[in-house]
Amino acid sequence: MTTESSRRRDSDLAALVEHLDALEGAGRRVPCRAGSVTSTAIWTSDDPVEQEVAAQRCAGCPALASCGAFGLAHPRELGVWGGRTAHARRRRPRFDPSVAA
């Protein structure tokens, strides 16, 4: 990671954490931050089954869009971001010739 991309990642992450803090401060539940360390560890697990469970638990999260945007902007980040596993975020959409016109 270059210094510039590292700075951008750090800045983006700080903004996301600030957003999560604000949501929690307003009484909104953020699944990846709710519960014990053991129950929230699935968001950073290497186990694909645990990652899928974490991704499902993201449904209804008030930070789903902003968290997902971070994950897509930084696809090398480990873990689940915005309801998508690292593998899902890195997958490129297949070319569909029926859409190209």
Protein backbone atom coordinates (compact mmCIF):
# COMPACT_ATOMS: atom_id res chain seq x y z
CA MET A 1 0.00 0.00 0.00
CA THR A 2 1.42 3.36 -0.97
CA THR A 3 1.70 6.16 1.52
CA GLU A 4 -1.08 8.09 -0.23
CA SER A 5 -3.47 5.13 -0.27
CA SER A 6 -2.55 4.37 3.33
CA ARG A 7 -3.44 7.92 4.35
CA ARG A 8 -6.70 7.74 2.45
CA ARG A 9 -7.55 4.40 4.08
CA ASP A 10 -6.78 5.79 7.54
CA SER A 11 -8.88 8.89 6.86
CA ASP A 12 -11.78 6.84 5.50
CA LEU A 13 -11.62 4.47 8.47
CA ALA A 14 -11.57 7.36 10.95
CA ALA A 15 -14.65 8.84 9.26
CA LEU A 16 -16.45 5.49 9.42
CA VAL A 17 -15.59 5.02 13.10
CA GLU A 18 -16.86 8.54 13.83
CA HIS A 19 -20.10 7.67 12.01
CA LEU A 20 -20.46 4.42 13.99
CA ASP A 21 -19.84 6.29 17.24
CA ALA A 22 -22.53 8.84 16.33
CA LEU A 23 -25.03 6.10 15.51
CA GLU A 24 -24.38 4.35 18.81
CA GLY A 25 -24.55 7.68 20.63
CA ALA A 26 -28.01 8.16 19.15
CA GLY A 27 -29.08 4.76 20.48
CA ARG A 28 -28.81 2.89 17.17
CA ARG A 29 -27.56 -0.70 17.31
CA VAL A 30 -24.49 -1.48 15.22
CA PRO A 31 -24.21 -5.31 15.08
CA CYS A 32 -20.43 -5.53 14.68
CA ARG A 33 -19.98 -3.46 17.83
CA ALA A 34 -22.75 -4.98 19.94
CA GLY A 35 -21.96 -7.82 22.30
CA SER A 36 -18.83 -9.38 23.66
CA VAL A 37 -15.48 -9.50 21.92
CA THR A 38 -16.11 -13.18 21.21
CA SER A 39 -19.44 -12.51 19.51
CA THR A 40 -18.05 -9.65 17.41
CA ALA A 41 -14.91 -11.54 16.34
CA ILE A 42 -16.80 -13.12 13.43
CA TRP A 43 -16.51 -9.86 11.49
CA THR A 44 -12.74 -10.36 11.27
CA SER A 45 -12.65 -14.16 11.19
CA ASP A 46 -10.73 -16.10 8.53
CA ASP A 47 -13.45 -18.77 8.58
CA PRO A 48 -15.77 -18.40 5.54
CA VAL A 49 -18.74 -19.79 7.49
CA GLU A 50 -18.28 -17.22 10.27
CA GLN A 51 -17.87 -14.47 7.66
CA GLU A 52 -21.19 -15.43 6.08
CA VAL A 53 -22.88 -15.33 9.51
CA ALA A 54 -21.39 -11.87 10.10
CA ALA A 55 -22.52 -10.67 6.67
CA GLN A 56 -26.08 -11.84 7.43
CA ARG A 57 -26.03 -10.02 10.77
CA CYS A 58 -25.26 -6.78 8.95
CA ALA A 59 -28.80 -6.73 7.54
CA GLY A 60 -30.64 -3.78 8.98
CA CYS A 61 -27.49 -2.08 10.28
CA PRO A 62 -27.81 1.71 10.09
CA ALA A 63 -24.22 1.93 8.82
CA LEU A 64 -24.62 -0.66 6.06
CA ALA A 65 -24.13 1.79 3.18
CA SER A 66 -21.20 3.74 4.64
CA CYS A 67 -19.49 0.58 5.87
CA GLY A 68 -20.02 -1.08 2.51
CA ALA A 69 -18.57 1.95 0.72
CA PHE A 70 -15.45 1.68 2.88
CA GLY A 71 -15.14 -2.03 2.10
CA LEU A 72 -15.49 -1.49 -1.63
CA ALA A 73 -13.02 1.43 -1.60
CA HIS A 74 -10.51 -0.72 0.30
CA PRO A 75 -11.00 -4.28 -1.00
CA ARG A 76 -7.79 -5.56 0.60
CA GLU A 77 -9.24 -4.98 4.08
CA LEU A 78 -9.87 -8.22 5.89
CA GLY A 79 -13.22 -9.09 7.35
CA VAL A 80 -16.81 -8.25 6.60
CA TRP A 81 -17.68 -4.68 5.61
CA GLY A 82 -21.18 -3.55 4.74
CA GLY A 83 -22.56 -7.07 4.69
CA ARG A 84 -19.97 -8.34 2.23
CA THR A 85 -17.09 -10.71 2.86
CA ALA A 86 -13.60 -9.88 1.60
CA HIS A 87 -14.10 -12.46 -1.15
CA ALA A 88 -17.41 -10.92 -2.24
CA ARG A 89 -15.93 -7.41 -2.30
CA ARG A 90 -13.04 -8.52 -4.52
CA ARG A 91 -15.24 -10.38 -6.99
CA ARG A 92 -15.67 -8.47 -10.21
CA PRO A 93 -19.04 -8.52 -11.94
CA ARG A 94 -19.09 -10.74 -14.99
CA PHE A 95 -19.56 -9.19 -18.40
CA ASP A 96 -23.11 -9.60 -19.60
CA PRO A 97 -23.30 -8.96 -23.36
CA SER A 98 -27.07 -8.49 -23.20
CA VAL A 99 -26.52 -5.38 -21.07
CA ALA A 100 -23.92 -3.81 -23.38
CA ALA A 101 -25.62 -1.88 -26.11
